[in-house]
Amino acid sequence: MFTAESVSDNVSASALPGETLVAVVDVTKHFGDRIAVENLELNLCAGEVFGLVGANGGGKTTTLRILAGILKPDRGRGYVLGLDLAHEASEIRKHIGYMSQRLSLYSDLTVYQNLRFRADVYGLRSPGVAATTAMREFELEPFARSRARQLSGGWARRLQLASRTHSLTQIDLSR
């Protein structure tokens, strides 16, 4: 997911149509002797829709994790939102969201409790306010008292996404 905030002086996630947002060349990732991604070359521009399709174990998730700055490629070079893939991964992670296939919610906690817990873990000064704000932004307010396990798949995904937003994962050291 690309946010609408400015990423750097020369790149904005609200880029002009056709502006290059992702450009990688020769990206390779190994896990031991197993090659997960080999010689990936990819160019994505603002306004394009791109699908990543392939067999199980084909490297789709590894590719997404590399592009999100979660995994470092073993070889290759590239840029995501104008940020160097090899040297600015932590900055990339601030602007690119990655949501795994497996939900990481606490099924016995309510929607509000899940969001508040995450905000508290990340050291926000006002975790309750952050949780309430996330519920409003993601239209989860009607489910505030519902346990995560009671949500439909789509609402659970939305809760998962809300729990990964910038506002709930920024460490507040002034606490």
N, C-alpha and C. Protein backbone atom coordinates (compact mmCIF):
# COMPACT_ATOMS: atom_id res chain seq x y z
N MET A 1 0.85 -1.16 0.00
CA MET A 1 0.00 0.00 0.00
C MET A 1 0.89 1.22 0.00
N PHE A 2 0.60 2.19 -0.82
CA PHE A 2 1.33 3.44 -0.85
C PHE A 2 0.49 4.46 -0.11
N THR A 3 1.12 5.20 0.78
CA THR A 3 0.40 6.24 1.50
C THR A 3 0.47 7.53 0.71
N ALA A 4 -0.33 8.49 1.09
CA ALA A 4 -0.38 9.75 0.37
C ALA A 4 0.60 10.78 0.93
N GLU A 5 1.44 10.37 1.85
CA GLU A 5 2.38 11.32 2.43
C GLU A 5 3.66 11.40 1.60
N SER A 6 4.37 12.50 1.76
CA SER A 6 5.62 12.68 1.02
C SER A 6 6.68 11.74 1.57
N VAL A 7 7.41 11.10 0.69
CA VAL A 7 8.43 10.14 1.10
C VAL A 7 9.79 10.80 1.18
N SER A 8 10.14 11.59 0.21
CA SER A 8 11.40 12.32 0.24
C SER A 8 11.20 13.60 -0.57
N ASP A 9 12.25 14.38 -0.66
CA ASP A 9 12.12 15.65 -1.37
C ASP A 9 11.75 15.46 -2.83
N ASN A 10 12.22 14.37 -3.45
CA ASN A 10 11.99 14.21 -4.88
C ASN A 10 10.97 13.14 -5.23
N VAL A 11 10.41 12.45 -4.26
CA VAL A 11 9.46 11.38 -4.55
C VAL A 11 8.27 11.52 -3.62
N SER A 12 7.11 11.37 -4.16
CA SER A 12 5.88 11.40 -3.37
C SER A 12 5.04 10.20 -3.75
N ALA A 13 4.40 9.59 -2.74
CA ALA A 13 3.55 8.43 -3.01
C ALA A 13 2.33 8.84 -3.83
N SER A 14 2.01 10.11 -3.84
CA SER A 14 0.94 10.58 -4.71
C SER A 14 1.58 11.07 -6.00
N ALA A 15 2.31 10.18 -6.63
CA ALA A 15 3.12 10.48 -7.81
C ALA A 15 2.25 10.74 -9.02
N LEU A 16 2.85 11.36 -9.99
CA LEU A 16 2.18 11.61 -11.26
C LEU A 16 2.04 10.32 -12.04
N PRO A 17 0.96 10.14 -12.79
CA PRO A 17 0.82 8.93 -13.60
C PRO A 17 2.05 8.74 -14.49
N GLY A 18 2.54 7.52 -14.51
CA GLY A 18 3.71 7.20 -15.31
C GLY A 18 5.03 7.36 -14.58
N GLU A 19 5.03 8.04 -13.43
CA GLU A 19 6.26 8.21 -12.66
C GLU A 19 6.67 6.85 -12.06
N THR A 20 7.94 6.52 -12.17
CA THR A 20 8.43 5.24 -11.67
C THR A 20 8.41 5.23 -10.14
N LEU A 21 7.76 4.22 -9.56
CA LEU A 21 7.71 4.04 -8.12
C LEU A 21 8.58 2.89 -7.66
N VAL A 22 8.71 1.86 -8.49
CA VAL A 22 9.53 0.69 -8.17
C VAL A 22 10.39 0.38 -9.39
N ALA A 23 11.69 0.26 -9.16
CA ALA A 23 12.61 -0.12 -10.24
C ALA A 23 13.70 -0.99 -9.63
N VAL A 24 13.70 -2.27 -9.97
CA VAL A 24 14.72 -3.19 -9.46
C VAL A 24 15.33 -3.97 -10.62
N VAL A 25 16.60 -4.30 -10.45
CA VAL A 25 17.35 -5.02 -11.48
C VAL A 25 18.19 -6.10 -10.80
N ASP A 26 18.11 -7.33 -11.34
CA ASP A 26 18.96 -8.44 -10.91
C ASP A 26 18.80 -8.80 -9.43
N VAL A 27 17.62 -8.58 -8.87
CA VAL A 27 17.40 -8.89 -7.44
C VAL A 27 17.28 -10.40 -7.26
N THR A 28 18.08 -10.90 -6.34
CA THR A 28 18.12 -12.33 -6.03
C THR A 28 18.10 -12.52 -4.53
N LYS A 29 17.38 -13.54 -4.07
CA LYS A 29 17.33 -13.86 -2.64
C LYS A 29 17.38 -15.37 -2.48
N HIS A 30 18.31 -15.82 -1.63
CA HIS A 30 18.46 -17.25 -1.29
C HIS A 30 18.09 -17.47 0.17
N PHE A 31 17.60 -18.64 0.45
CA PHE A 31 17.42 -19.11 1.82
C PHE A 31 18.21 -20.41 1.89
N GLY A 32 19.44 -20.32 2.37
CA GLY A 32 20.33 -21.47 2.32
C GLY A 32 20.64 -21.79 0.88
N ASP A 33 20.46 -23.04 0.48
CA ASP A 33 20.71 -23.45 -0.89
C ASP A 33 19.52 -23.20 -1.81
N ARG A 34 18.40 -22.81 -1.24
CA ARG A 34 17.17 -22.63 -2.03
C ARG A 34 17.11 -21.21 -2.58
N ILE A 35 16.88 -21.10 -3.87
CA ILE A 35 16.72 -19.79 -4.51
C ILE A 35 15.24 -19.43 -4.45
N ALA A 36 14.94 -18.33 -3.76
CA ALA A 36 13.55 -17.90 -3.64
C ALA A 36 13.19 -16.92 -4.76
N VAL A 37 14.10 -16.02 -5.08
CA VAL A 37 13.91 -15.04 -6.15
C VAL A 37 15.23 -14.95 -6.89
N GLU A 38 15.15 -14.99 -8.23
CA GLU A 38 16.39 -14.96 -9.00
C GLU A 38 16.28 -13.98 -10.17
N ASN A 39 17.22 -13.06 -10.19
CA ASN A 39 17.34 -12.10 -11.29
C ASN A 39 16.05 -11.32 -11.58
N LEU A 40 15.36 -10.91 -10.54
CA LEU A 40 14.12 -10.15 -10.70
C LEU A 40 14.42 -8.78 -11.30
N GLU A 41 13.68 -8.46 -12.33
CA GLU A 41 13.73 -7.13 -12.92
C GLU A 41 12.30 -6.64 -12.98
N LEU A 42 12.04 -5.48 -12.39
CA LEU A 42 10.68 -5.00 -12.28
C LEU A 42 10.66 -3.48 -12.30
N ASN A 43 9.76 -2.92 -13.08
CA ASN A 43 9.54 -1.48 -13.11
C ASN A 43 8.04 -1.25 -13.00
N LEU A 44 7.63 -0.51 -11.98
CA LEU A 44 6.22 -0.19 -11.77
C LEU A 44 6.07 1.31 -11.70
N CYS A 45 5.07 1.81 -12.37
CA CYS A 45 4.83 3.25 -12.42
C CYS A 45 3.51 3.59 -11.74
N ALA A 46 3.42 4.82 -11.29
CA ALA A 46 2.19 5.31 -10.68
C ALA A 46 1.04 5.13 -11.66
N GLY A 47 -0.08 4.69 -11.17
CA GLY A 47 -1.26 4.50 -12.00
C GLY A 47 -1.38 3.11 -12.59
N GLU A 48 -0.32 2.30 -12.50
CA GLU A 48 -0.37 0.94 -13.03
C GLU A 48 -0.96 -0.01 -11.99
N VAL A 49 -1.60 -1.04 -12.46
CA VAL A 49 -2.07 -2.13 -11.61
C VAL A 49 -1.23 -3.34 -11.99
N PHE A 50 -0.67 -4.00 -10.99
CA PHE A 50 0.25 -5.10 -11.23
C PHE A 50 -0.14 -6.29 -10.37
N GLY A 51 -0.17 -7.45 -10.94
CA GLY A 51 -0.46 -8.67 -10.19
C GLY A 51 0.76 -9.57 -10.19
N LEU A 52 0.99 -10.21 -9.08
CA LEU A 52 2.10 -11.15 -8.92
C LEU A 52 1.48 -12.53 -8.73
N VAL A 53 1.61 -13.37 -9.76
CA VAL A 53 0.93 -14.67 -9.77
C VAL A 53 1.97 -15.76 -9.97
N GLY A 54 1.78 -16.89 -9.30
CA GLY A 54 2.69 -18.00 -9.49
C GLY A 54 2.36 -19.14 -8.54
N ALA A 55 3.09 -20.21 -8.70
CA ALA A 55 2.88 -21.41 -7.89
C ALA A 55 3.31 -21.17 -6.44
N ASN A 56 2.80 -22.01 -5.55
CA ASN A 56 3.26 -21.98 -4.17
C ASN A 56 4.77 -22.18 -4.15
N GLY A 57 5.45 -21.36 -3.34
CA GLY A 57 6.90 -21.46 -3.26
C GLY A 57 7.62 -20.79 -4.42
N GLY A 58 6.89 -20.03 -5.22
CA GLY A 58 7.48 -19.40 -6.40
C GLY A 58 8.19 -18.08 -6.15
N GLY A 59 8.16 -17.57 -4.93
CA GLY A 59 8.88 -16.35 -4.59
C GLY A 59 8.05 -15.08 -4.52
N LYS A 60 6.72 -15.22 -4.61
CA LYS A 60 5.85 -14.04 -4.59
C LYS A 60 5.97 -13.28 -3.27
N THR A 61 5.82 -13.97 -2.17
CA THR A 61 5.88 -13.33 -0.86
C THR A 61 7.27 -12.78 -0.60
N THR A 62 8.30 -13.51 -0.97
CA THR A 62 9.67 -13.03 -0.79
C THR A 62 9.87 -11.74 -1.58
N THR A 63 9.37 -11.69 -2.80
CA THR A 63 9.48 -10.48 -3.61
C THR A 63 8.79 -9.30 -2.92
N LEU A 64 7.58 -9.51 -2.45
CA LEU A 64 6.86 -8.43 -1.76
C LEU A 64 7.60 -7.98 -0.51
N ARG A 65 8.15 -8.92 0.24
CA ARG A 65 8.88 -8.57 1.46
C ARG A 65 10.16 -7.80 1.13
N ILE A 66 10.80 -8.11 0.04
CA ILE A 66 11.98 -7.35 -0.39
C ILE A 66 11.56 -5.92 -0.76
N LEU A 67 10.51 -5.80 -1.56
CA LEU A 67 10.06 -4.48 -2.00
C LEU A 67 9.55 -3.62 -0.85
N ALA A 68 9.07 -4.26 0.22
CA ALA A 68 8.58 -3.53 1.39
C ALA A 68 9.71 -3.19 2.36
N GLY A 69 10.93 -3.62 2.05
CA GLY A 69 12.07 -3.31 2.92
C GLY A 69 12.19 -4.23 4.11
N ILE A 70 11.48 -5.34 4.11
CA ILE A 70 11.51 -6.29 5.22
C ILE A 70 12.67 -7.26 5.08
N LEU A 71 12.93 -7.71 3.86
CA LEU A 71 14.05 -8.60 3.56
C LEU A 71 15.07 -7.87 2.70
N LYS A 72 16.33 -8.14 2.94
CA LYS A 72 17.39 -7.55 2.13
C LYS A 72 17.76 -8.54 1.02
N PRO A 73 17.80 -8.08 -0.23
CA PRO A 73 18.20 -8.99 -1.30
C PRO A 73 19.67 -9.39 -1.15
N ASP A 74 20.00 -10.59 -1.62
CA ASP A 74 21.39 -11.03 -1.59
C ASP A 74 22.19 -10.38 -2.71
N ARG A 75 21.50 -10.03 -3.77
CA ARG A 75 22.16 -9.44 -4.93
C ARG A 75 21.15 -8.54 -5.64
N GLY A 76 21.66 -7.61 -6.40
CA GLY A 76 20.81 -6.74 -7.19
C GLY A 76 20.72 -5.35 -6.61
N ARG A 77 20.01 -4.51 -7.31
CA ARG A 77 19.87 -3.13 -6.87
C ARG A 77 18.49 -2.61 -7.29
N GLY A 78 18.10 -1.54 -6.65
CA GLY A 78 16.82 -0.96 -7.04
C GLY A 78 16.36 0.12 -6.09
N TYR A 79 15.22 0.70 -6.48
CA TYR A 79 14.62 1.77 -5.70
C TYR A 79 13.13 1.53 -5.56
N VAL A 80 12.62 1.89 -4.40
CA VAL A 80 11.19 1.87 -4.12
C VAL A 80 10.84 3.25 -3.60
N LEU A 81 9.95 3.94 -4.28
CA LEU A 81 9.58 5.32 -3.93
C LEU A 81 10.80 6.22 -3.88
N GLY A 82 11.78 5.96 -4.74
CA GLY A 82 12.99 6.77 -4.78
C GLY A 82 14.01 6.43 -3.70
N LEU A 83 13.73 5.42 -2.89
CA LEU A 83 14.62 5.03 -1.79
C LEU A 83 15.40 3.79 -2.18
N ASP A 84 16.69 3.77 -1.88
CA ASP A 84 17.56 2.67 -2.24
C ASP A 84 17.19 1.41 -1.47
N LEU A 85 16.93 0.34 -2.20
CA LEU A 85 16.49 -0.92 -1.61
C LEU A 85 17.50 -1.50 -0.62
N ALA A 86 18.78 -1.36 -0.93
CA ALA A 86 19.82 -1.96 -0.09
C ALA A 86 20.17 -1.10 1.12
N HIS A 87 20.10 0.21 0.98
CA HIS A 87 20.61 1.09 2.04
C HIS A 87 19.55 1.88 2.79
N GLU A 88 18.33 1.90 2.30
CA GLU A 88 17.28 2.69 2.94
C GLU A 88 16.04 1.87 3.27
N ALA A 89 16.25 0.59 3.59
CA ALA A 89 15.13 -0.31 3.88
C ALA A 89 14.28 0.19 5.04
N SER A 90 14.91 0.73 6.07
CA SER A 90 14.13 1.20 7.22
C SER A 90 13.23 2.37 6.82
N GLU A 91 13.70 3.21 5.91
CA GLU A 91 12.88 4.32 5.43
C GLU A 91 11.75 3.81 4.53
N ILE A 92 12.04 2.81 3.73
CA ILE A 92 11.01 2.20 2.88
C ILE A 92 9.88 1.65 3.76
N ARG A 93 10.25 0.97 4.84
CA ARG A 93 9.25 0.37 5.74
C ARG A 93 8.32 1.41 6.35
N LYS A 94 8.74 2.64 6.45
CA LYS A 94 7.90 3.70 7.00
C LYS A 94 6.77 4.09 6.04
N HIS A 95 6.94 3.74 4.76
CA HIS A 95 6.00 4.22 3.75
C HIS A 95 5.30 3.11 2.97
N ILE A 96 5.74 1.90 3.14
CA ILE A 96 5.15 0.76 2.44
C ILE A 96 4.59 -0.19 3.48
N GLY A 97 3.34 -0.56 3.33
CA GLY A 97 2.72 -1.51 4.24
C GLY A 97 2.73 -2.90 3.63
N TYR A 98 2.97 -3.87 4.45
CA TYR A 98 2.93 -5.27 4.01
C TYR A 98 2.06 -6.03 5.00
N MET A 99 1.07 -6.72 4.49
CA MET A 99 0.21 -7.51 5.35
C MET A 99 0.31 -8.96 4.91
N SER A 100 0.76 -9.79 5.83
CA SER A 100 0.97 -11.19 5.49
C SER A 100 -0.36 -11.92 5.32
N GLN A 101 -0.27 -13.09 4.74
CA GLN A 101 -1.46 -13.91 4.51
C GLN A 101 -2.09 -14.35 5.83
N ARG A 102 -1.24 -14.65 6.79
CA ARG A 102 -1.73 -15.12 8.10
C ARG A 102 -2.09 -13.91 8.97
N LEU A 103 -3.27 -13.92 9.53
CA LEU A 103 -3.69 -12.84 10.41
C LEU A 103 -2.92 -12.91 11.72
N SER A 104 -2.53 -11.76 12.21
CA SER A 104 -1.85 -11.71 13.51
C SER A 104 -2.68 -10.88 14.48
N LEU A 105 -3.87 -11.38 14.73
CA LEU A 105 -4.79 -10.74 15.65
C LEU A 105 -4.98 -11.63 16.87
N TYR A 106 -5.37 -11.03 17.97
CA TYR A 106 -5.71 -11.81 19.15
C TYR A 106 -7.20 -12.09 19.10
N SER A 107 -7.56 -13.33 18.83
CA SER A 107 -8.95 -13.67 18.56
C SER A 107 -9.87 -13.44 19.75
N ASP A 108 -9.36 -13.53 20.97
CA ASP A 108 -10.19 -13.33 22.16
C ASP A 108 -10.36 -11.86 22.54
N LEU A 109 -9.56 -10.98 21.93
CA LEU A 109 -9.68 -9.56 22.22
C LEU A 109 -10.67 -8.92 21.25
N THR A 110 -11.29 -7.84 21.69
CA THR A 110 -12.20 -7.10 20.83
C THR A 110 -11.38 -6.30 19.80
N VAL A 111 -12.08 -5.72 18.85
CA VAL A 111 -11.43 -4.87 17.85
C VAL A 111 -10.68 -3.75 18.56
N TYR A 112 -11.37 -3.06 19.46
CA TYR A 112 -10.73 -1.97 20.21
C TYR A 112 -9.52 -2.47 20.99
N GLN A 113 -9.65 -3.59 21.69
CA GLN A 113 -8.55 -4.11 22.49
C GLN A 113 -7.35 -4.49 21.63
N ASN A 114 -7.58 -5.08 20.46
CA ASN A 114 -6.49 -5.41 19.56
C ASN A 114 -5.73 -4.15 19.15
N LEU A 115 -6.46 -3.11 18.78
CA LEU A 115 -5.83 -1.87 18.34
C LEU A 115 -5.12 -1.15 19.48
N ARG A 116 -5.76 -1.13 20.63
CA ARG A 116 -5.14 -0.47 21.79
C ARG A 116 -3.89 -1.22 22.23
N PHE A 117 -3.94 -2.54 22.24
CA PHE A 117 -2.78 -3.34 22.62
C PHE A 117 -1.60 -3.04 21.70
N ARG A 118 -1.86 -3.02 20.41
CA ARG A 118 -0.77 -2.75 19.46
C ARG A 118 -0.19 -1.35 19.67
N ALA A 119 -1.04 -0.37 19.87
CA ALA A 119 -0.57 1.00 20.12
C ALA A 119 0.26 1.06 21.39
N ASP A 120 -0.16 0.33 22.41
CA ASP A 120 0.57 0.29 23.68
C ASP A 120 1.94 -0.38 23.50
N VAL A 121 1.97 -1.49 22.78
CA VAL A 121 3.22 -2.21 22.54
C VAL A 121 4.22 -1.32 21.82
N TYR A 122 3.72 -0.49 20.89
CA TYR A 122 4.61 0.39 20.14
C TYR A 122 4.89 1.70 20.87
N GLY A 123 4.45 1.80 22.10
CA GLY A 123 4.85 2.92 22.94
C GLY A 123 4.18 4.25 22.67
N LEU A 124 2.97 4.22 22.12
CA LEU A 124 2.28 5.48 21.89
C LEU A 124 1.82 6.07 23.21
N ARG A 125 1.88 7.38 23.31
CA ARG A 125 1.52 8.07 24.54
C ARG A 125 0.05 7.87 24.90
N SER A 126 -0.82 7.87 23.90
CA SER A 126 -2.26 7.73 24.13
C SER A 126 -2.80 6.56 23.31
N PRO A 127 -2.56 5.32 23.76
CA PRO A 127 -2.99 4.16 22.97
C PRO A 127 -4.49 4.10 22.74
N GLY A 128 -5.27 4.56 23.70
CA GLY A 128 -6.72 4.55 23.53
C GLY A 128 -7.16 5.49 22.41
N VAL A 129 -6.55 6.66 22.35
CA VAL A 129 -6.87 7.63 21.29
C VAL A 129 -6.44 7.06 19.94
N ALA A 130 -5.27 6.45 19.89
CA ALA A 130 -4.79 5.86 18.63
C ALA A 130 -5.74 4.76 18.16
N ALA A 131 -6.21 3.93 19.09
CA ALA A 131 -7.13 2.85 18.74
C ALA A 131 -8.45 3.40 18.22
N THR A 132 -8.97 4.40 18.90
CA THR A 132 -10.23 5.02 18.48
C THR A 132 -10.09 5.67 17.11
N THR A 133 -8.98 6.34 16.89
CA THR A 133 -8.72 6.99 15.60
C THR A 133 -8.64 5.95 14.48
N ALA A 134 -7.93 4.85 14.74
CA ALA A 134 -7.81 3.79 13.73
C ALA A 134 -9.17 3.17 13.43
N MET A 135 -9.98 2.97 14.47
CA MET A 135 -11.33 2.42 14.24
C MET A 135 -12.14 3.35 13.35
N ARG A 136 -12.05 4.65 13.60
CA ARG A 136 -12.79 5.61 12.79
C ARG A 136 -12.28 5.62 11.35
N GLU A 137 -10.95 5.68 11.18
CA GLU A 137 -10.36 5.74 9.84
C GLU A 137 -10.68 4.51 9.00
N PHE A 138 -10.81 3.35 9.64
CA PHE A 138 -11.06 2.10 8.93
C PHE A 138 -12.50 1.63 9.06
N GLU A 139 -13.38 2.51 9.56
CA GLU A 139 -14.80 2.24 9.69
C GLU A 139 -15.09 0.97 10.49
N LEU A 140 -14.33 0.78 11.56
CA LEU A 140 -14.49 -0.39 12.43
C LEU A 140 -15.29 -0.08 13.69
N GLU A 141 -15.76 1.14 13.84
CA GLU A 141 -16.48 1.53 15.06
C GLU A 141 -17.67 0.63 15.40
N PRO A 142 -18.47 0.17 14.41
CA PRO A 142 -19.59 -0.71 14.76
C PRO A 142 -19.15 -2.04 15.38
N PHE A 143 -17.88 -2.39 15.19
CA PHE A 143 -17.37 -3.67 15.69
C PHE A 143 -16.45 -3.51 16.89
N ALA A 144 -16.42 -2.33 17.49
CA ALA A 144 -15.49 -2.04 18.57
C ALA A 144 -15.51 -3.09 19.68
N ARG A 145 -16.70 -3.60 20.01
CA ARG A 145 -16.83 -4.57 21.11
C ARG A 145 -16.89 -6.02 20.63
N SER A 146 -16.75 -6.20 19.33
CA SER A 146 -16.76 -7.57 18.78
C SER A 146 -15.38 -8.19 18.91
N ARG A 147 -15.36 -9.46 19.27
CA ARG A 147 -14.08 -10.17 19.34
C ARG A 147 -13.58 -10.42 17.92
N ALA A 148 -12.28 -10.41 17.77
CA ALA A 148 -11.68 -10.59 16.43
C ALA A 148 -12.17 -11.88 15.79
N ARG A 149 -12.34 -12.93 16.55
CA ARG A 149 -12.77 -14.22 15.98
C ARG A 149 -14.20 -14.17 15.43
N GLN A 150 -14.99 -13.17 15.84
CA GLN A 150 -16.37 -13.04 15.38
C GLN A 150 -16.48 -12.27 14.06
N LEU A 151 -15.39 -11.66 13.61
CA LEU A 151 -15.43 -10.86 12.39
C LEU A 151 -15.41 -11.74 11.16
N SER A 152 -16.04 -11.26 10.09
CA SER A 152 -15.92 -11.95 8.81
C SER A 152 -14.48 -11.81 8.32
N GLY A 153 -14.13 -12.57 7.31
CA GLY A 153 -12.77 -12.51 6.78
C GLY A 153 -12.39 -11.11 6.33
N GLY A 154 -13.30 -10.42 5.67
CA GLY A 154 -13.01 -9.07 5.18
C GLY A 154 -12.81 -8.07 6.30
N TRP A 155 -13.66 -8.14 7.33
CA TRP A 155 -13.52 -7.22 8.47
C TRP A 155 -12.27 -7.55 9.27
N ALA A 156 -11.93 -8.83 9.36
CA ALA A 156 -10.69 -9.21 10.06
C ALA A 156 -9.47 -8.66 9.31
N ARG A 157 -9.50 -8.71 7.98
CA ARG A 157 -8.42 -8.13 7.17
C ARG A 157 -8.33 -6.62 7.41
N ARG A 158 -9.48 -5.99 7.48
CA ARG A 158 -9.49 -4.54 7.71
C ARG A 158 -8.91 -4.22 9.08
N LEU A 159 -9.25 -5.02 10.09
CA LEU A 159 -8.67 -4.83 11.42
C LEU A 159 -7.16 -5.05 11.37
N GLN A 160 -6.74 -6.07 10.65
CA GLN A 160 -5.30 -6.35 10.50
C GLN A 160 -4.61 -5.14 9.87
N LEU A 161 -5.20 -4.59 8.83
CA LEU A 161 -4.62 -3.44 8.16
C LEU A 161 -4.59 -2.23 9.10
N ALA A 162 -5.68 -2.01 9.82
CA ALA A 162 -5.73 -0.90 10.78
C ALA A 162 -4.65 -1.04 11.84
N SER A 163 -4.38 -2.27 12.25
CA SER A 163 -3.37 -2.49 13.30
C SER A 163 -1.95 -2.27 12.79
N ARG A 164 -1.80 -2.17 11.49
CA ARG A 164 -0.47 -1.98 10.89
C ARG A 164 -0.27 -0.56 10.37
N THR A 165 -1.23 0.32 10.62
CA THR A 165 -1.10 1.68 10.09
C THR A 165 0.01 2.43 10.79
N HIS A 166 0.46 3.45 10.12
CA HIS A 166 1.53 4.31 10.60
C HIS A 166 1.23 4.83 12.01
N SER A 167 -0.02 5.22 12.27
CA SER A 167 -0.36 5.83 13.55
C SER A 167 -0.29 4.83 14.71
N LEU A 168 -0.39 3.53 14.42
CA LEU A 168 -0.33 2.55 15.50
C LEU A 168 1.04 1.89 15.64
N THR A 169 1.97 2.22 14.77
CA THR A 169 3.28 1.57 14.84
C THR A 169 4.43 2.55 15.01
N GLN A 170 4.12 3.80 15.24
CA GLN A 170 5.19 4.79 15.47
C GLN A 170 5.53 4.82 16.94
N ILE A 171 6.76 4.56 17.24
CA ILE A 171 7.22 4.58 18.63
C ILE A 171 7.30 6.03 19.10
N ASP A 172 6.70 6.30 20.22
CA ASP A 172 6.70 7.64 20.79
C ASP A 172 7.65 7.63 21.98
N LEU A 173 8.85 8.14 21.79
CA LEU A 173 9.86 8.10 22.83
C LEU A 173 9.65 9.18 23.89
N SER A 174 8.70 10.07 23.69
CA SER A 174 8.46 11.13 24.66
C SER A 174 7.55 10.67 25.79
N ARG A 175 7.15 9.43 25.77
CA ARG A 175 6.21 8.87 26.74
C ARG A 175 6.75 8.91 28.13
